[in-house]
Each structure stands twice: as C-alpha cells, then as structure tokens.
C-alpha cells in the first residue's frame, strides 16, 4: 500500500492483479487499474500525486496516470 503525498488517497496492489485507489476518509473506491498478469507486490505515488507506479510478480513495472 501507499499513501498519496497529500494524504487524501491510498493505493493498494493485490493478488487479483489490480491496483486500486481509495479515498482515505470515506473508504470509497476511486479507480481500479488492470494490466498486470500476476500479483502486484509494490506500489508508489509520484511526488506530485498524479502518477502511480506498480511492480508485480509478472516482472513488469506499470506507470498509471490518476484520473
């Protein structure tokens, strides 16, 4: 998991091969990113909070632009 720089969001990587972004205060699911072909093990927000980077068991790194 990773917290956004502004503390409003949390991102999670999962065994279901997805990256999910949640609103921290409400618990609302904001967005789900699909693209890994195996479990997601690592996730980080960029310093400006506009991009996520994830790494998975599939040996790939994905860069996601937040909506």
PDB file of N, CA and C in Angstrom:
ATOM      1  N   UNK A   1       0.832  -1.176   0.000  1.00  0.00           N
ATOM      2  CA  UNK A   1       0.000   0.000   0.000  1.00  0.00           C
ATOM      3  C   UNK A   1       0.878   1.241   0.000  1.00  0.00           C
ATOM      4  N   UNK A   2       0.283   2.323  -0.474  1.00  0.00           N
ATOM      5  CA  UNK A   2       0.989   3.604  -0.480  1.00  0.00           C
ATOM      6  C   UNK A   2      -0.016   4.724  -0.243  1.00  0.00           C
ATOM      7  N   UNK A   3       0.408   5.721   0.507  1.00  0.00           N
ATOM      8  CA  UNK A   3      -0.406   6.907   0.744  1.00  0.00           C
ATOM      9  C   UNK A   3      -0.002   7.996  -0.233  1.00  0.00           C
ATOM     10  N   UNK A   4      -1.002   8.740  -0.727  1.00  0.00           N
ATOM     11  CA  UNK A   4      -0.701   9.862  -1.616  1.00  0.00           C
ATOM     12  C   UNK A   4       0.018  10.950  -0.823  1.00  0.00           C
ATOM     13  N   UNK A   5       0.797  11.789  -1.501  1.00  0.00           N
ATOM     14  CA  UNK A   5       1.528  12.843  -0.798  1.00  0.00           C
ATOM     15  C   UNK A   5       0.634  13.795  -0.011  1.00  0.00           C
ATOM     16  N   UNK A   6      -0.583  14.022  -0.486  1.00  0.00           N
ATOM     17  CA  UNK A   6      -1.487  14.927   0.219  1.00  0.00           C
ATOM     18  C   UNK A   6      -2.300  14.230   1.310  1.00  0.00           C
ATOM     19  N   UNK A   7      -2.151  12.902   1.440  1.00  0.00           N
ATOM     20  CA  UNK A   7      -2.841  12.159   2.489  1.00  0.00           C
ATOM     21  C   UNK A   7      -4.312  11.891   2.236  1.00  0.00           C
ATOM     22  N   UNK A   8      -4.802  12.203   1.036  1.00  0.00           N
ATOM     23  CA  UNK A   8      -6.221  12.009   0.732  1.00  0.00           C
ATOM     24  C   UNK A   8      -6.534  10.615   0.189  1.00  0.00           C
ATOM     25  N   UNK A   9      -5.542   9.938  -0.386  1.00  0.00           N
ATOM     26  CA  UNK A   9      -5.787   8.666  -1.065  1.00  0.00           C
ATOM     27  C   UNK A   9      -4.812   7.603  -0.590  1.00  0.00           C
ATOM     28  N   UNK A  10      -5.237   6.370  -0.774  1.00  0.00           N
ATOM     29  CA  UNK A  10      -4.367   5.232  -0.532  1.00  0.00           C
ATOM     30  C   UNK A  10      -4.486   4.319  -1.739  1.00  0.00           C
ATOM     31  N   UNK A  11      -3.374   3.757  -2.146  1.00  0.00           N
ATOM     32  CA  UNK A  11      -3.372   2.833  -3.281  1.00  0.00           C
ATOM     33  C   UNK A  11      -2.958   1.463  -2.772  1.00  0.00           C
ATOM     34  N   UNK A  12      -3.588   0.438  -3.342  1.00  0.00           N
ATOM     35  CA  UNK A  12      -3.265  -0.929  -2.930  1.00  0.00           C
ATOM     36  C   UNK A  12      -2.996  -1.779  -4.154  1.00  0.00           C
ATOM     37  N   UNK A  13      -2.010  -2.656  -4.020  1.00  0.00           N
ATOM     38  CA  UNK A  13      -1.738  -3.668  -5.027  1.00  0.00           C
ATOM     39  C   UNK A  13      -2.235  -4.993  -4.478  1.00  0.00           C
ATOM     40  N   UNK A  14      -2.673  -5.885  -5.351  1.00  0.00           N
ATOM     41  CA  UNK A  14      -3.363  -7.064  -4.867  1.00  0.00           C
ATOM     42  C   UNK A  14      -2.976  -8.340  -5.602  1.00  0.00           C
ATOM     43  N   UNK A  15      -3.313  -9.457  -4.980  1.00  0.00           N
ATOM     44  CA  UNK A  15      -3.141 -10.770  -5.601  1.00  0.00           C
ATOM     45  C   UNK A  15      -4.065 -10.948  -6.806  1.00  0.00           C
ATOM     46  N   UNK A  16      -5.116 -10.113  -6.915  1.00  0.00           N
ATOM     47  CA  UNK A  16      -6.029 -10.234  -8.056  1.00  0.00           C
ATOM     48  C   UNK A  16      -5.526  -9.474  -9.290  1.00  0.00           C
ATOM     49  N   UNK A  17      -4.247  -9.051  -9.255  1.00  0.00           N
ATOM     50  CA  UNK A  17      -3.558  -8.419 -10.388  1.00  0.00           C
ATOM     51  C   UNK A  17      -3.998  -6.979 -10.635  1.00  0.00           C
ATOM     52  N   UNK A  18      -4.635  -6.345  -9.674  1.00  0.00           N
ATOM     53  CA  UNK A  18      -5.121  -4.989  -9.848  1.00  0.00           C
ATOM     54  C   UNK A  18      -4.416  -4.018  -8.906  1.00  0.00           C
ATOM     55  N   UNK A  19      -4.509  -2.745  -9.278  1.00  0.00           N
ATOM     56  CA  UNK A  19      -4.106  -1.630  -8.423  1.00  0.00           C
ATOM     57  C   UNK A  19      -5.369  -0.820  -8.192  1.00  0.00           C
ATOM     58  N   UNK A  20      -5.679  -0.564  -6.928  1.00  0.00           N
ATOM     59  CA  UNK A  20      -6.895   0.186  -6.594  1.00  0.00           C
ATOM     60  C   UNK A  20      -6.528   1.429  -5.818  1.00  0.00           C
ATOM     61  N   UNK A  21      -7.273   2.506  -6.101  1.00  0.00           N
ATOM     62  CA  UNK A  21      -7.083   3.772  -5.410  1.00  0.00           C
ATOM     63  C   UNK A  21      -8.350   4.066  -4.624  1.00  0.00           C
ATOM     64  N   UNK A  22      -8.167   4.366  -3.339  1.00  0.00           N
ATOM     65  CA  UNK A  22      -9.276   4.582  -2.411  1.00  0.00           C
ATOM     66  C   UNK A  22      -9.189   5.978  -1.813  1.00  0.00           C
ATOM     67  N   UNK A  23     -10.343   6.589  -1.575  1.00  0.00           N
ATOM     68  CA  UNK A  23     -10.404   7.839  -0.814  1.00  0.00           C
ATOM     69  C   UNK A  23     -10.232   7.453   0.651  1.00  0.00           C
ATOM     70  N   UNK A  24      -9.235   8.001   1.298  1.00  0.00           N
ATOM     71  CA  UNK A  24      -8.884   7.578   2.642  1.00  0.00           C
ATOM     72  C   UNK A  24      -9.977   7.899   3.659  1.00  0.00           C
ATOM     73  N   UNK A  25     -10.553   9.086   3.605  1.00  0.00           N
ATOM     74  CA  UNK A  25     -11.548   9.492   4.611  1.00  0.00           C
ATOM     75  C   UNK A  25     -12.855   8.718   4.524  1.00  0.00           C
ATOM     76  N   UNK A  26     -13.276   8.374   3.310  1.00  0.00           N
ATOM     77  CA  UNK A  26     -14.585   7.732   3.137  1.00  0.00           C
ATOM     78  C   UNK A  26     -14.497   6.237   2.863  1.00  0.00           C
ATOM     79  N   UNK A  27     -13.325   5.760   2.424  1.00  0.00           N
ATOM     80  CA  UNK A  27     -13.187   4.360   2.044  1.00  0.00           C
ATOM     81  C   UNK A  27     -13.740   4.058   0.664  1.00  0.00           C
ATOM     82  N   UNK A  28     -14.141   5.095  -0.072  1.00  0.00           N
ATOM     83  CA  UNK A  28     -14.716   4.915  -1.406  1.00  0.00           C
ATOM     84  C   UNK A  28     -13.637   4.501  -2.408  1.00  0.00           C
ATOM     85  N   UNK A  29     -13.948   3.498  -3.219  1.00  0.00           N
ATOM     86  CA  UNK A  29     -13.058   3.093  -4.300  1.00  0.00           C
ATOM     87  C   UNK A  29     -13.145   4.127  -5.406  1.00  0.00           C
ATOM     88  N   UNK A  30     -12.010   4.732  -5.741  1.00  0.00           N
ATOM     89  CA  UNK A  30     -11.965   5.782  -6.754  1.00  0.00           C
ATOM     90  C   UNK A  30     -11.706   5.209  -8.142  1.00  0.00           C
ATOM     91  N   UNK A  31     -10.750   4.263  -8.224  1.00  0.00           N
ATOM     92  CA  UNK A  31     -10.400   3.717  -9.539  1.00  0.00           C
ATOM     93  C   UNK A  31      -9.693   2.374  -9.380  1.00  0.00           C
ATOM     94  N   UNK A  32      -9.876   1.509 -10.364  1.00  0.00           N
ATOM     95  CA  UNK A  32      -9.165   0.233 -10.437  1.00  0.00           C
ATOM     96  C   UNK A  32      -8.381   0.193 -11.744  1.00  0.00           C
ATOM     97  N   UNK A  33      -7.090  -0.097 -11.622  1.00  0.00           N
ATOM     98  CA  UNK A  33      -6.222  -0.240 -12.794  1.00  0.00           C
ATOM     99  C   UNK A  33      -5.954  -1.717 -13.020  1.00  0.00           C
ATOM    100  N   UNK A  34      -6.113  -2.166 -14.252  1.00  0.00           N
ATOM    101  CA  UNK A  34      -5.829  -3.540 -14.660  1.00  0.00           C
ATOM    102  C   UNK A  34      -4.682  -3.524 -15.657  1.00  0.00           C
ATOM    103  N   UNK A  35      -3.848  -4.532 -15.623  1.00  0.00           N
ATOM    104  CA  UNK A  35      -2.773  -4.584 -16.592  1.00  0.00           C
ATOM    105  C   UNK A  35      -1.679  -5.565 -16.227  1.00  0.00           C
ATOM    106  N   UNK A  36      -1.526  -5.854 -14.952  1.00  0.00           N
ATOM    107  CA  UNK A  36      -0.543  -6.857 -14.551  1.00  0.00           C
ATOM    108  C   UNK A  36      -1.112  -8.245 -14.841  1.00  0.00           C
ATOM    109  N   UNK A  37      -0.226  -9.198 -15.117  1.00  0.00           N
ATOM    110  CA  UNK A  37      -0.670 -10.570 -15.374  1.00  0.00           C
ATOM    111  C   UNK A  37      -0.383 -11.488 -14.185  1.00  0.00           C
ATOM    112  N   UNK A  38       0.044 -10.893 -13.080  1.00  0.00           N
ATOM    113  CA  UNK A  38       0.291 -11.637 -11.842  1.00  0.00           C
ATOM    114  C   UNK A  38       0.125 -10.669 -10.668  1.00  0.00           C
ATOM    115  N   UNK A  39       0.340 -11.161  -9.472  1.00  0.00           N
ATOM    116  CA  UNK A  39       0.152 -10.368  -8.268  1.00  0.00           C
ATOM    117  C   UNK A  39       0.961  -9.072  -8.301  1.00  0.00           C
ATOM    118  N   UNK A  40       0.405  -8.024  -7.694  1.00  0.00           N
ATOM    119  CA  UNK A  40       1.086  -6.733  -7.583  1.00  0.00           C
ATOM    120  C   UNK A  40       1.734  -6.667  -6.209  1.00  0.00           C
ATOM    121  N   UNK A  41       3.056  -6.483  -6.191  1.00  0.00           N
ATOM    122  CA  UNK A  41       3.821  -6.516  -4.947  1.00  0.00           C
ATOM    123  C   UNK A  41       4.283  -5.150  -4.457  1.00  0.00           C
ATOM    124  N   UNK A  42       4.402  -4.173  -5.343  1.00  0.00           N
ATOM    125  CA  UNK A  42       4.943  -2.872  -4.948  1.00  0.00           C
ATOM    126  C   UNK A  42       4.138  -1.766  -5.599  1.00  0.00           C
ATOM    127  N   UNK A  43       4.002  -0.649  -4.881  1.00  0.00           N
ATOM    128  CA  UNK A  43       3.251   0.480  -5.409  1.00  0.00           C
ATOM    129  C   UNK A  43       3.763   1.763  -4.762  1.00  0.00           C
ATOM    130  N   UNK A  44       3.793   2.847  -5.547  1.00  0.00           N
ATOM    131  CA  UNK A  44       4.255   4.136  -5.023  1.00  0.00           C
ATOM    132  C   UNK A  44       3.600   5.264  -5.799  1.00  0.00           C
ATOM    133  N   UNK A  45       3.314   6.356  -5.098  1.00  0.00           N
ATOM    134  CA  UNK A  45       2.830   7.587  -5.719  1.00  0.00           C
ATOM    135  C   UNK A  45       4.020   8.441  -6.124  1.00  0.00           C
ATOM    136  N   UNK A  46       3.852   9.217  -7.178  1.00  0.00           N
ATOM    137  CA  UNK A  46       4.855  10.225  -7.519  1.00  0.00           C
ATOM    138  C   UNK A  46       4.763  11.358  -6.502  1.00  0.00           C
ATOM    139  N   UNK A  47       5.771  12.207  -6.466  1.00  0.00           N
ATOM    140  CA  UNK A  47       5.805  13.310  -5.503  1.00  0.00           C
ATOM    141  C   UNK A  47       4.643  14.286  -5.689  1.00  0.00           C
ATOM    142  N   UNK A  48       4.164  14.447  -6.927  1.00  0.00           N
ATOM    143  CA  UNK A  48       3.045  15.361  -7.161  1.00  0.00           C
ATOM    144  C   UNK A  48       1.686  14.676  -7.011  1.00  0.00           C
ATOM    145  N   UNK A  49       1.669  13.361  -6.773  1.00  0.00           N
ATOM    146  CA  UNK A  49       0.430  12.631  -6.543  1.00  0.00           C
ATOM    147  C   UNK A  49      -0.401  12.362  -7.781  1.00  0.00           C
ATOM    148  N   UNK A  50       0.139  12.619  -8.964  1.00  0.00           N
ATOM    149  CA  UNK A  50      -0.630  12.452 -10.194  1.00  0.00           C
ATOM    150  C   UNK A  50      -0.355  11.135 -10.912  1.00  0.00           C
ATOM    151  N   UNK A  51       0.657  10.406 -10.450  1.00  0.00           N
ATOM    152  CA  UNK A  51       1.072   9.173 -11.107  1.00  0.00           C
ATOM    153  C   UNK A  51       1.311   8.090 -10.062  1.00  0.00           C
ATOM    154  N   UNK A  52       0.972   6.870 -10.428  1.00  0.00           N
ATOM    155  CA  UNK A  52       1.282   5.697  -9.611  1.00  0.00           C
ATOM    156  C   UNK A  52       2.226   4.802 -10.393  1.00  0.00           C
ATOM    157  N   UNK A  53       3.101   4.133  -9.678  1.00  0.00           N
ATOM    158  CA  UNK A  53       3.974   3.137 -10.285  1.00  0.00           C
ATOM    159  C   UNK A  53       3.761   1.838  -9.522  1.00  0.00           C
ATOM    160  N   UNK A  54       3.608   0.735 -10.250  1.00  0.00           N
ATOM    161  CA  UNK A  54       3.409  -0.551  -9.594  1.00  0.00           C
ATOM    162  C   UNK A  54       4.350  -1.588 -10.196  1.00  0.00           C
ATOM    163  N   UNK A  55       4.718  -2.549  -9.368  1.00  0.00           N
ATOM    164  CA  UNK A  55       5.559  -3.650  -9.803  1.00  0.00           C
ATOM    165  C   UNK A  55       4.925  -4.960  -9.389  1.00  0.00           C
ATOM    166  N   UNK A  56       5.050  -5.958 -10.241  1.00  0.00           N
ATOM    167  CA  UNK A  56       4.375  -7.212  -9.952  1.00  0.00           C
ATOM    168  C   UNK A  56       5.243  -8.437 -10.126  1.00  0.00           C
ATOM    169  N   UNK A  57       4.657  -9.548  -9.731  1.00  0.00           N
ATOM    170  CA  UNK A  57       5.305 -10.849  -9.878  1.00  0.00           C
ATOM    171  C   UNK A  57       5.547 -11.186 -11.347  1.00  0.00           C
ATOM    172  N   UNK A  58       4.809 -10.531 -12.232  1.00  0.00           N
ATOM    173  CA  UNK A  58       4.992 -10.744 -13.669  1.00  0.00           C
ATOM    174  C   UNK A  58       6.264 -10.076 -14.203  1.00  0.00           C
ATOM    175  N   UNK A  59       7.050  -9.501 -13.299  1.00  0.00           N
ATOM    176  CA  UNK A  59       8.332  -8.865 -13.627  1.00  0.00           C
ATOM    177  C   UNK A  59       8.162  -7.641 -14.517  1.00  0.00           C
ATOM    178  N   UNK A  60       7.033  -6.927 -14.347  1.00  0.00           N
ATOM    179  CA  UNK A  60       6.808  -5.690 -15.080  1.00  0.00           C
ATOM    180  C   UNK A  60       6.610  -4.541 -14.103  1.00  0.00           C
ATOM    181  N   UNK A  61       6.894  -3.349 -14.593  1.00  0.00           N
ATOM    182  CA  UNK A  61       6.613  -2.111 -13.876  1.00  0.00           C
ATOM    183  C   UNK A  61       5.616  -1.350 -14.728  1.00  0.00           C
ATOM    184  N   UNK A  62       4.534  -0.905 -14.104  1.00  0.00           N
ATOM    185  CA  UNK A  62       3.495  -0.168 -14.813  1.00  0.00           C
ATOM    186  C   UNK A  62       3.438   1.252 -14.263  1.00  0.00           C
ATOM    187  N   UNK A  63       3.196   2.204 -15.148  1.00  0.00           N
ATOM    188  CA  UNK A  63       3.020   3.606 -14.773  1.00  0.00           C
ATOM    189  C   UNK A  63       1.588   3.979 -15.097  1.00  0.00           C
ATOM    190  N   UNK A  64       0.887   4.482 -14.090  1.00  0.00           N
ATOM    191  CA  UNK A  64      -0.539   4.792 -14.215  1.00  0.00           C
ATOM    192  C   UNK A  64      -0.754   6.285 -13.970  1.00  0.00           C
ATOM    193  N   UNK A  65      -1.529   6.916 -14.843  1.00  0.00           N
ATOM    194  CA  UNK A  65      -1.931   8.299 -14.637  1.00  0.00           C
ATOM    195  C   UNK A  65      -3.243   8.299 -13.871  1.00  0.00           C
ATOM    196  N   UNK A  66      -3.292   9.039 -12.783  1.00  0.00           N
ATOM    197  CA  UNK A  66      -4.500   9.069 -11.962  1.00  0.00           C
ATOM    198  C   UNK A  66      -5.565   9.927 -12.612  1.00  0.00           C
ATOM    199  N   UNK A  67      -6.817   9.511 -12.480  1.00  0.00           N
ATOM    200  CA  UNK A  67      -7.917  10.296 -13.073  1.00  0.00           C
ATOM    201  C   UNK A  67      -8.135  11.595 -12.319  1.00  0.00           C
TER     202      UNK A  67
END
